[in-house]
């Protein structure tokens, strides 16, 4: 019996509110990691994971488009406590297998409740409790849970609906329009002409995955993006395996080497962006002629302003070389009956149009939050280190890194949560909240992320939904793993920013 099946059979019948010390929202990479940390570092705590999907994995479970793979290497995207033993860039299937092993090896399945969509979370200072309401999608029942601490691991975008812009003429188009996030199981693209709109990691995955089966696929992008092509292998890891080094050692050594290289690259991208840009373009030039690079792969933004996706073995570019894929760069004027008309006047015909145009950002999982009878919106709060929020007690949110692997921060926050829970027990405290001092109260409230620092479309569209930050290191999501990995273990839990009661 599979892990997924075991968990589904363990779901209890609805009844009165169940109580847990900790309620984890989401059984994706953050939630499963959080459960592991809770179980190993605070073994006396009871906990439950509520997941809206019908399986664990989050993105890797819900996204079913062809070729779906990580755009971060699994030596850093994988957990620090579970060695990764395969190629650095992994398919969704491989990632789910890895997560399933974590669940099985640590007996976490019994803690997960699938098909539970949380709609409401209400904190009571009189009781020092969260009351959480969730609707079971398979039965329609509304269930209630209470917990002392709420751990938000649900990610940052809506799982059930991708973002597709509205273009003129979309209703005129006679073919199919499909967002990769909502890929139908019965979509037949073999032998068809396909357009894929987008220039990010999803487009760079879908295009080479379908190129061999379609009549032709055209990547339509408004503007170019940066990619890093290279072999999907790690020479250091392969050498250490040849020497029969233990996999736990290999994982740690390769992980540290990759993190060192990533830190160096990130700092160089900021300090010498023109040099880094040329290095990135050199990787593309190794596959494509100069005229194609100049026309379609010459980004206008600086290398550190958006996430850079890895293209294993240059598969995106190989499709272009083989003539199975082509690229059109420019703005779309409208949809037509047969495809797209560009503002340049060029018309492209297609049987299927894929809109790899991003996703819809959400804050706090689109859950209605109420604190002591008053609704609280994420945008009304100020963040402490991108994980705690003014006015919301006993709650932590996992928001990963944009330029490094998400899981790096999930692991750091996991350690912090466990240390915080232990500290509260030692103090006999039932409530913890972050508060700004007189100095912080005077500071300007700024958007969640400085758009000059990081500016992908999904963040720009949803910035108004996000918590605010302050122009002070501790009161923002810094995106700097290499600083936070040293700072997080040293956070003074009795500092003035923490208020216990």
Protein backbone atom coordinates (compact mmCIF):
# COMPACT_ATOMS: atom_id res chain seq x y z
CA UNK A 1 0.00 0.00 0.00
CA UNK A 2 1.42 3.42 -0.98
CA UNK A 3 2.10 6.20 1.51
CA UNK A 4 -0.61 8.34 -0.13
CA UNK A 5 -3.19 5.53 0.26
CA UNK A 6 -2.23 4.90 3.88
CA UNK A 7 -2.75 8.55 4.70
CA UNK A 8 -6.13 8.78 2.97
CA UNK A 9 -7.37 5.79 4.97
CA UNK A 10 -6.18 7.35 8.22
CA UNK A 11 -8.45 10.42 7.93
CA UNK A 12 -10.79 10.44 10.91
CA UNK A 13 -14.52 10.90 10.81
CA UNK A 14 -15.69 14.45 11.49
CA UNK A 15 -16.82 15.29 15.02
CA UNK A 16 -16.18 17.94 17.63
CA UNK A 17 -13.13 20.17 17.36
CA UNK A 18 -9.85 18.26 17.60
CA UNK A 19 -7.03 19.91 19.50
CA UNK A 20 -3.31 19.86 18.66
CA UNK A 21 -0.32 21.73 20.00
CA UNK A 22 0.66 22.69 16.46
CA UNK A 23 -1.37 22.81 13.25
CA UNK A 24 0.66 22.80 10.03
CA UNK A 25 -1.01 24.19 6.91
CA UNK A 26 0.12 22.30 3.81
CA UNK A 27 1.86 18.99 3.08
CA UNK A 28 4.31 20.36 0.54
CA UNK A 29 8.07 20.58 0.89
CA UNK A 30 7.76 23.05 3.82
CA UNK A 31 5.01 21.23 5.70
CA UNK A 32 6.64 17.79 5.55
CA UNK A 33 9.95 19.32 6.60
CA UNK A 34 8.24 21.15 9.45
CA UNK A 35 6.62 17.93 10.64
CA UNK A 36 10.01 16.22 10.66
CA UNK A 37 11.56 19.00 12.75
CA UNK A 38 8.65 19.01 15.20
CA UNK A 39 8.80 15.26 15.66
CA UNK A 40 12.57 15.13 16.15
CA UNK A 41 13.18 18.35 18.08
CA UNK A 42 9.97 18.64 20.14
CA UNK A 43 8.78 15.02 20.41
CA UNK A 44 6.20 15.80 23.10
CA UNK A 45 4.17 18.11 20.85
CA UNK A 46 1.04 16.87 19.14
CA UNK A 47 0.50 18.10 15.59
CA UNK A 48 -1.59 17.69 12.46
CA UNK A 49 -1.02 18.67 8.83
CA UNK A 50 -4.03 19.89 6.86
CA UNK A 51 -3.59 19.68 3.09
CA UNK A 52 -6.14 20.92 0.54
CA UNK A 53 -4.92 18.58 -2.23
CA UNK A 54 -5.45 14.82 -2.29
CA UNK A 55 -1.74 14.02 -1.99
CA UNK A 56 1.48 15.36 -0.50
CA UNK A 57 4.00 17.41 -2.46
CA UNK A 58 2.30 20.75 -3.13
CA UNK A 59 3.53 21.99 -6.51
CA UNK A 60 4.97 18.60 -7.36
CA UNK A 61 1.61 16.93 -6.80
CA UNK A 62 -0.71 19.53 -8.35
CA UNK A 63 1.29 20.40 -11.49
CA UNK A 64 0.92 17.73 -14.16
CA UNK A 65 2.29 19.39 -17.29
CA UNK A 66 4.85 17.48 -19.39
CA UNK A 67 8.43 17.53 -18.17
CA UNK A 68 7.77 19.26 -14.85
CA UNK A 69 11.05 19.46 -12.96
CA UNK A 70 12.85 21.45 -10.32
CA UNK A 71 14.65 24.63 -11.27
CA UNK A 72 16.80 24.34 -8.13
CA UNK A 73 19.33 21.61 -7.54
CA UNK A 74 18.12 18.89 -5.17
CA UNK A 75 21.28 19.00 -3.05
CA UNK A 76 19.97 22.32 -1.72
CA UNK A 77 16.26 21.97 -2.52
CA UNK A 78 16.27 18.62 -0.74
CA UNK A 79 16.21 18.58 3.05
CA UNK A 80 19.47 18.88 4.92
CA UNK A 81 18.56 15.74 6.89
CA UNK A 82 17.81 13.50 3.89
CA UNK A 83 20.61 12.84 1.36
CA UNK A 84 19.82 13.33 -2.32
CA UNK A 85 21.41 10.59 -4.44
CA UNK A 86 20.38 11.31 -8.03
CA UNK A 87 20.90 14.01 -10.69
CA UNK A 88 20.79 17.59 -9.37
CA UNK A 89 17.75 18.66 -11.44
CA UNK A 90 14.90 16.29 -10.70
CA UNK A 91 11.49 15.50 -12.14
CA UNK A 92 8.31 15.91 -10.08
CA UNK A 93 8.08 12.12 -9.87
CA UNK A 94 11.56 11.89 -8.35
CA UNK A 95 10.82 14.67 -5.86
CA UNK A 96 7.57 13.01 -4.78
CA UNK A 97 9.41 9.71 -4.31
CA UNK A 98 12.00 11.49 -2.14
CA UNK A 99 9.29 13.17 -0.04
CA UNK A 100 7.40 9.89 0.25
CA UNK A 101 10.53 8.30 1.71
CA UNK A 102 10.77 11.11 4.30
CA UNK A 103 7.13 10.50 5.26
CA UNK A 104 7.54 6.73 5.47
CA UNK A 105 10.90 6.73 7.26
CA UNK A 106 9.59 9.09 9.94
CA UNK A 107 6.04 7.75 10.25
CA UNK A 108 4.52 11.10 9.30
CA UNK A 109 1.58 9.74 7.27
CA UNK A 110 -0.64 9.38 10.35
CA UNK A 111 -0.43 13.13 10.93
CA UNK A 112 -1.67 14.25 7.47
CA UNK A 113 -5.30 14.99 6.56
CA UNK A 114 -5.86 15.43 2.82
CA UNK A 115 -8.71 17.26 1.02
CA UNK A 116 -8.95 19.81 3.85
CA UNK A 117 -9.30 23.37 2.57
CA UNK A 118 -8.87 25.85 5.41
CA UNK A 119 -11.27 28.77 5.13
CA UNK A 120 -11.06 30.51 8.50
CA UNK A 121 -8.55 30.89 11.34
CA UNK A 122 -9.48 32.79 14.50
CA UNK A 123 -7.26 33.60 17.46
CA UNK A 124 -8.64 34.15 20.95
CA UNK A 125 -6.39 35.81 23.52
CA UNK A 126 -8.88 34.84 26.23
CA UNK A 127 -8.21 31.16 25.47
CA UNK A 128 -4.77 31.51 23.87
CA UNK A 129 -6.00 29.28 21.07
CA UNK A 130 -6.45 29.24 17.33
CA UNK A 131 -9.73 27.84 16.03
CA UNK A 132 -9.38 26.65 12.45
CA UNK A 133 -12.23 25.74 10.12
CA UNK A 134 -11.62 23.48 7.14
CA UNK A 135 -13.94 22.09 4.47
CA UNK A 136 -13.37 18.52 3.39
CA UNK A 137 -13.54 18.57 -0.39
CA UNK A 138 -14.52 14.93 -0.66
CA UNK A 139 -17.52 15.18 1.70
CA UNK A 140 -18.35 18.90 1.91
CA UNK A 141 -18.21 18.78 5.71
CA UNK A 142 -16.90 21.72 7.72
CA UNK A 143 -14.50 20.54 10.43
CA UNK A 144 -13.07 22.48 13.36
CA UNK A 145 -9.64 22.23 14.91
CA UNK A 146 -8.02 24.10 17.77
CA UNK A 147 -4.30 24.55 18.26
CA UNK A 148 -1.83 26.50 20.34
CA UNK A 149 0.40 27.36 17.39
CA UNK A 150 -0.24 27.81 13.67
CA UNK A 151 2.53 26.98 11.19
CA UNK A 152 1.74 28.24 7.68
CA UNK A 153 3.48 26.06 5.08
CA UNK A 154 1.01 26.49 2.25
CA UNK A 155 3.27 28.31 -0.18
CA UNK A 156 2.60 31.65 -1.84
CA UNK A 157 0.34 31.06 -4.84
CA UNK A 158 -3.08 29.60 -5.60
CA UNK A 159 -2.78 25.94 -6.47
CA UNK A 160 -6.08 25.69 -8.34
CA UNK A 161 -5.74 28.55 -10.81
CA UNK A 162 -2.85 29.93 -12.80
CA UNK A 163 -2.53 33.50 -14.03
CA UNK A 164 -3.56 34.16 -17.64
CA UNK A 165 -3.73 37.76 -18.87
CA UNK A 166 -6.77 38.93 -20.83
CA UNK A 167 -5.91 39.58 -24.45
CA UNK A 168 -8.33 40.90 -27.09
CA UNK A 169 -9.88 38.20 -29.22
CA UNK A 170 -9.42 35.29 -26.83
CA UNK A 171 -13.06 34.31 -27.36
CA UNK A 172 -12.48 34.25 -31.12
CA UNK A 173 -9.77 31.59 -30.92
CA UNK A 174 -11.06 28.20 -32.15
CA UNK A 175 -8.35 26.08 -30.53
CA UNK A 176 -7.66 25.20 -26.90
CA UNK A 177 -6.17 27.61 -24.35
CA UNK A 178 -4.45 25.80 -21.48
CA UNK A 179 -2.52 27.12 -18.49
CA UNK A 180 0.18 24.56 -17.56
CA UNK A 181 -0.90 24.74 -13.91
CA UNK A 182 -4.30 23.39 -15.01
CA UNK A 183 -3.07 20.82 -17.54
CA UNK A 184 -5.90 18.43 -18.57
CA UNK A 185 -5.04 14.73 -18.42
CA UNK A 186 -6.63 14.16 -21.82
CA UNK A 187 -4.87 16.98 -23.70
CA UNK A 188 -3.70 15.54 -27.01
CA UNK A 189 -0.90 17.66 -28.45
CA UNK A 190 0.77 15.02 -30.65
CA UNK A 191 1.17 16.20 -34.21
CA UNK A 192 -0.40 19.58 -33.35
CA UNK A 193 0.90 23.10 -33.78
CA UNK A 194 1.43 24.61 -30.33
CA UNK A 195 2.18 28.09 -29.03
CA UNK A 196 3.63 28.48 -25.54
CA UNK A 197 3.36 32.04 -24.18
CA UNK A 198 5.94 32.82 -21.51
CA UNK A 199 9.65 33.00 -20.86
CA UNK A 200 10.15 31.58 -17.37
CA UNK A 201 11.00 28.18 -15.92
CA UNK A 202 7.62 26.64 -16.85
CA UNK A 203 7.92 27.59 -20.51
CA UNK A 204 11.53 26.40 -20.56
CA UNK A 205 10.32 23.04 -19.24
CA UNK A 206 7.19 22.51 -21.36
CA UNK A 207 8.69 23.46 -24.73
CA UNK A 208 11.49 20.85 -24.83
CA UNK A 209 9.21 18.25 -23.19
CA UNK A 210 6.65 18.39 -26.02
CA UNK A 211 8.91 19.37 -28.94
CA UNK A 212 9.51 15.82 -30.15
CA UNK A 213 5.78 14.99 -30.28
CA UNK A 214 4.23 18.14 -31.74
CA UNK A 215 4.27 19.29 -35.35
CA UNK A 216 5.94 22.48 -34.10
CA UNK A 217 6.03 24.54 -30.93
CA UNK A 218 6.57 28.31 -30.88
CA UNK A 219 7.75 30.01 -27.73
CA UNK A 220 6.22 33.48 -27.66
CA UNK A 221 7.83 35.82 -25.14
CA UNK A 222 7.31 39.48 -24.44
CA UNK A 223 10.95 39.81 -23.38
CA UNK A 224 13.88 37.41 -22.94
CA UNK A 225 15.00 35.85 -19.67
CA UNK A 226 18.29 34.49 -18.33
CA UNK A 227 18.98 30.75 -18.29
CA UNK A 228 21.88 28.61 -17.13
CA UNK A 229 22.41 25.65 -19.46
CA UNK A 230 24.64 22.81 -18.31
CA UNK A 231 25.00 19.10 -17.67
CA UNK A 232 22.47 17.63 -15.27
CA UNK A 233 25.22 16.08 -13.19
CA UNK A 234 27.52 17.01 -10.34
CA UNK A 235 31.17 16.08 -10.90
CA UNK A 236 32.04 16.40 -7.23
CA UNK A 237 29.20 14.08 -6.21
CA UNK A 238 30.13 11.58 -8.94
CA UNK A 239 33.77 11.60 -7.83
CA UNK A 240 32.87 11.08 -4.17
CA UNK A 241 30.60 8.17 -5.14
CA UNK A 242 33.43 6.68 -7.18
CA UNK A 243 35.51 6.83 -3.99
CA UNK A 244 32.65 5.07 -2.14
CA UNK A 245 32.11 7.96 0.28
CA UNK A 246 28.99 7.63 2.42
CA UNK A 247 25.92 9.32 0.86
CA UNK A 248 25.36 11.39 4.01
CA UNK A 249 28.84 12.88 3.64
CA UNK A 250 28.36 13.39 -0.10
CA UNK A 251 25.09 15.26 0.50
CA UNK A 252 26.70 17.57 3.05
CA UNK A 253 29.87 18.22 1.04
CA UNK A 254 28.10 18.85 -2.27
CA UNK A 255 25.45 20.95 -0.52
CA UNK A 256 28.10 23.19 1.04
CA UNK A 257 30.00 23.53 -2.23
CA UNK A 258 26.84 24.47 -4.13
CA UNK A 259 25.82 26.99 -1.47
CA UNK A 260 29.29 28.54 -1.56
CA UNK A 261 29.12 28.83 -5.35
CA UNK A 262 25.59 30.28 -5.22
CA UNK A 263 26.64 32.89 -2.68
CA UNK A 264 29.59 33.89 -4.83
CA UNK A 265 27.42 34.07 -7.97
CA UNK A 266 24.72 36.16 -6.26
CA UNK A 267 27.23 38.69 -4.95
CA UNK A 268 29.00 38.89 -8.29
CA UNK A 269 25.64 39.41 -10.05
CA UNK A 270 25.09 42.51 -7.91
CA UNK A 271 28.65 43.81 -7.93
CA UNK A 272 29.55 43.10 -11.58
CA UNK A 273 26.26 42.50 -13.43
CA UNK A 274 27.69 43.12 -16.91
CA UNK A 275 30.37 40.46 -16.45
CA UNK A 276 27.86 37.94 -15.10
CA UNK A 277 25.46 38.75 -17.94
CA UNK A 278 28.13 37.91 -20.50
CA UNK A 279 28.92 34.66 -18.71
CA UNK A 280 25.26 33.65 -18.80
CA UNK A 281 24.93 34.58 -22.46
CA UNK A 282 28.06 32.57 -23.25
CA UNK A 283 26.21 29.48 -22.06
CA UNK A 284 23.39 30.18 -24.54
CA UNK A 285 25.85 30.99 -27.34
CA UNK A 286 27.31 27.51 -26.91
CA UNK A 287 24.03 26.21 -28.38
CA UNK A 288 22.61 28.95 -30.59
CA UNK A 289 23.95 31.26 -33.33
CA UNK A 290 24.63 34.86 -32.43
CA UNK A 291 21.70 36.30 -34.38
CA UNK A 292 19.24 34.12 -32.43
CA UNK A 293 20.87 35.04 -29.13
CA UNK A 294 20.74 38.76 -29.94
CA UNK A 295 17.10 38.61 -30.99
CA UNK A 296 15.59 36.25 -28.43
CA UNK A 297 17.92 35.66 -25.46
CA UNK A 298 19.26 39.10 -24.54
CA UNK A 299 17.42 40.14 -21.33
CA UNK A 300 17.00 43.81 -20.44
CA UNK A 301 16.96 43.36 -16.66
CA UNK A 302 20.00 42.78 -14.42
CA UNK A 303 20.86 39.15 -13.65
CA UNK A 304 19.99 39.35 -9.96
CA UNK A 305 16.53 40.93 -10.40
CA UNK A 306 14.75 37.66 -11.24
CA UNK A 307 15.23 33.98 -10.54
CA UNK A 308 17.51 32.22 -13.05
CA UNK A 309 16.37 28.78 -14.18
CA UNK A 310 18.75 25.95 -14.99
CA UNK A 311 18.24 24.32 -18.40
CA UNK A 312 19.65 20.78 -18.17
CA UNK A 313 21.77 19.87 -21.17
CA UNK A 314 20.42 22.96 -22.93
CA UNK A 315 17.31 21.03 -23.94
CA UNK A 316 15.32 24.20 -24.65
CA UNK A 317 17.93 25.38 -27.13
CA UNK A 318 18.37 21.95 -28.71
CA UNK A 319 14.72 22.04 -29.79
CA UNK A 320 15.37 25.34 -31.56
CA UNK A 321 18.46 23.92 -33.28
CA UNK A 322 16.54 20.86 -34.45
CA UNK A 323 13.79 23.02 -35.95
CA UNK A 324 11.06 21.52 -33.74
CA UNK A 325 10.81 24.75 -31.74
CA UNK A 326 11.11 28.41 -32.59
CA UNK A 327 11.02 31.67 -30.66
CA UNK A 328 9.07 34.86 -31.30
CA UNK A 329 9.89 37.88 -29.14
CA UNK A 330 7.46 40.77 -28.97
CA UNK A 331 4.07 41.88 -27.72
CA UNK A 332 0.83 40.13 -28.55
CA UNK A 333 -1.74 42.36 -30.24
CA UNK A 334 -4.63 39.91 -30.11
CA UNK A 335 -5.81 36.34 -30.42
CA UNK A 336 -7.27 35.37 -33.79
CA UNK A 337 -9.42 32.42 -34.85
CA UNK A 338 -6.26 30.49 -35.78
CA UNK A 339 -3.72 31.72 -33.25
CA UNK A 340 -1.96 34.98 -32.41
CA UNK A 341 -1.30 38.25 -34.13
CA UNK A 342 1.76 40.09 -32.84
CA UNK A 343 2.09 43.87 -32.75
CA UNK A 344 4.86 43.46 -35.32
CA UNK A 345 2.20 42.19 -37.72
CA UNK A 346 3.44 38.59 -37.61
CA UNK A 347 0.73 35.96 -37.31
CA UNK A 348 1.28 32.54 -35.72
CA UNK A 349 -1.14 29.67 -36.14
CA UNK A 350 -1.68 26.98 -33.52
CA UNK A 351 -4.10 24.25 -32.51
CA UNK A 352 -3.25 24.74 -28.81
CA UNK A 353 -2.05 27.83 -26.95
CA UNK A 354 -0.31 27.29 -23.61
CA UNK A 355 -0.26 30.29 -21.28
CA UNK A 356 2.85 29.78 -19.15
CA UNK A 357 2.27 33.29 -17.86
CA UNK A 358 2.74 32.84 -14.14
CA UNK A 359 0.52 32.30 -11.14
CA UNK A 360 -1.69 34.19 -8.73
CA UNK A 361 0.06 35.26 -5.57
CA UNK A 362 -1.84 34.76 -2.36
CA UNK A 363 -1.07 35.86 1.16
CA UNK A 364 -1.60 33.46 4.04
CA UNK A 365 -3.31 30.91 1.81
CA UNK A 366 -6.40 33.05 1.13
CA UNK A 367 -7.55 32.17 4.65
CA UNK A 368 -9.76 34.62 6.54
CA UNK A 369 -7.76 35.59 9.63
CA UNK A 370 -9.46 37.01 12.71
CA UNK A 371 -7.65 38.06 15.88
CA UNK A 372 -9.74 38.72 18.97
CA UNK A 373 -12.83 39.36 16.90
CA UNK A 374 -11.20 41.66 14.34
CA UNK A 375 -10.38 40.62 10.75
CA UNK A 376 -6.68 40.92 9.90
CA UNK A 377 -5.33 41.25 6.37
CA UNK A 378 -1.73 40.37 5.63
CA UNK A 379 -1.21 43.80 4.07
CA UNK A 380 -2.08 45.44 7.41
CA UNK A 381 0.85 43.76 9.15
CA UNK A 382 4.60 44.33 9.28
CA UNK A 383 6.82 41.31 8.96
CA UNK A 384 9.55 40.21 11.34
CA UNK A 385 12.23 38.43 9.27
CA UNK A 386 9.63 37.41 6.71
CA UNK A 387 8.12 34.77 9.01
CA UNK A 388 6.22 36.49 11.86
CA UNK A 389 3.76 39.39 11.66
CA UNK A 390 2.63 42.19 13.91
CA UNK A 391 -0.85 41.70 15.29
CA UNK A 392 -0.94 37.93 14.65
CA UNK A 393 0.11 35.86 17.70
CA UNK A 394 1.39 32.28 17.73
CA UNK A 395 1.80 32.04 13.97
CA UNK A 396 4.77 31.57 11.65
CA UNK A 397 4.76 31.52 7.85
CA UNK A 398 7.34 29.83 5.66
CA UNK A 399 8.36 31.96 2.70
CA UNK A 400 11.44 30.60 0.98
CA UNK A 401 14.18 32.26 -1.01
CA UNK A 402 13.87 33.59 -4.54
CA UNK A 403 17.54 33.22 -5.50
CA UNK A 404 18.30 30.08 -3.54
CA UNK A 405 16.37 26.90 -2.84
CA UNK A 406 13.09 27.29 -0.97
CA UNK A 407 13.87 24.43 1.40
CA UNK A 408 16.96 26.13 2.80
CA UNK A 409 14.73 28.62 4.57
CA UNK A 410 12.12 26.02 5.46
CA UNK A 411 14.81 24.13 7.40
CA UNK A 412 16.02 27.31 9.14
CA UNK A 413 12.47 28.25 10.15
CA UNK A 414 11.85 24.68 11.31
CA UNK A 415 14.73 24.98 13.77
CA UNK A 416 13.47 28.38 14.89
CA UNK A 417 9.89 27.22 15.49
CA UNK A 418 11.06 24.29 17.61
CA UNK A 419 13.40 26.51 19.62
CA UNK A 420 10.62 29.07 20.11
CA UNK A 421 8.11 26.43 21.29
CA UNK A 422 10.64 25.06 23.77
CA UNK A 423 11.37 28.58 25.02
CA UNK A 424 7.68 29.27 25.52
CA UNK A 425 7.36 26.08 27.56
CA UNK A 426 10.32 27.08 29.71
CA UNK A 427 8.77 30.51 30.35
CA UNK A 428 5.30 29.08 30.89
CA UNK A 429 4.09 31.38 28.10
CA UNK A 430 0.96 30.60 26.10
CA UNK A 431 1.18 33.53 23.70
CA UNK A 432 3.96 35.02 21.62
CA UNK A 433 3.73 38.00 19.30
CA UNK A 434 6.19 40.34 17.64
CA UNK A 435 5.96 44.04 18.44
CA UNK A 436 7.70 47.07 17.05
CA UNK A 437 9.51 49.38 19.45
CA UNK A 438 9.24 53.19 19.41
CA UNK A 439 12.12 53.37 16.92
CA UNK A 440 10.45 50.96 14.49
CA UNK A 441 7.06 52.67 14.79
CA UNK A 442 8.59 55.81 13.29
CA UNK A 443 9.99 54.03 10.23
CA UNK A 444 8.34 54.07 6.82
CA UNK A 445 6.26 51.02 5.87
CA UNK A 446 7.65 49.66 2.61
CA UNK A 447 6.46 47.01 0.11
CA UNK A 448 7.28 43.38 0.92
CA UNK A 449 10.18 43.36 -1.57
CA UNK A 450 12.07 46.25 -3.14
CA UNK A 451 11.06 46.01 -6.83
CA UNK A 452 14.53 47.20 -7.82
CA UNK A 453 15.91 44.17 -5.99
CA UNK A 454 13.49 41.49 -7.25
CA UNK A 455 10.68 42.15 -9.71
CA UNK A 456 8.98 39.13 -11.32
CA UNK A 457 5.47 39.74 -12.65
CA UNK A 458 3.61 37.63 -10.08
CA UNK A 459 5.12 39.66 -7.24
CA UNK A 460 4.45 43.00 -8.91
CA UNK A 461 0.79 42.03 -9.50
CA UNK A 462 0.25 40.90 -5.91
CA UNK A 463 2.50 43.20 -3.88
CA UNK A 464 -0.53 45.03 -2.45
CA UNK A 465 -1.65 41.78 -0.79
CA UNK A 466 1.60 41.20 1.06
CA UNK A 467 2.77 42.32 4.51
CA UNK A 468 4.89 45.44 4.79
CA UNK A 469 8.57 45.66 5.68
CA UNK A 470 10.69 48.28 7.40
CA UNK A 471 14.06 49.68 6.27
CA UNK A 472 15.69 47.63 9.02
CA UNK A 473 17.26 44.20 8.57
CA UNK A 474 15.19 42.32 11.17
CA UNK A 475 11.89 43.67 9.84
CA UNK A 476 11.99 42.30 6.29
CA UNK A 477 12.45 39.14 4.22
CA UNK A 478 16.10 39.62 3.31
CA UNK A 479 16.53 36.85 0.73
CA UNK A 480 20.03 36.28 2.11
CA UNK A 481 20.43 32.65 3.17
CA UNK A 482 24.14 33.07 3.75
CA UNK A 483 23.51 35.66 6.44
CA UNK A 484 20.36 34.10 7.86
CA UNK A 485 21.96 30.66 8.33
CA UNK A 486 24.25 32.26 10.92
CA UNK A 487 21.73 34.75 12.35
CA UNK A 488 18.68 32.52 12.86
CA UNK A 489 20.28 30.21 15.45
CA UNK A 490 21.45 33.32 17.33
CA UNK A 491 18.11 35.16 17.47
CA UNK A 492 17.60 36.31 21.06
CA UNK A 493 14.18 34.92 21.98
CA UNK A 494 14.04 37.33 24.91
CA UNK A 495 14.69 40.33 22.69
CA UNK A 496 12.46 43.38 22.88
CA UNK A 497 10.66 42.40 19.64
CA UNK A 498 9.13 39.34 21.33
CA UNK A 499 6.20 39.79 23.70
CA UNK A 500 5.16 36.80 25.79
CA UNK A 501 2.10 36.39 27.95
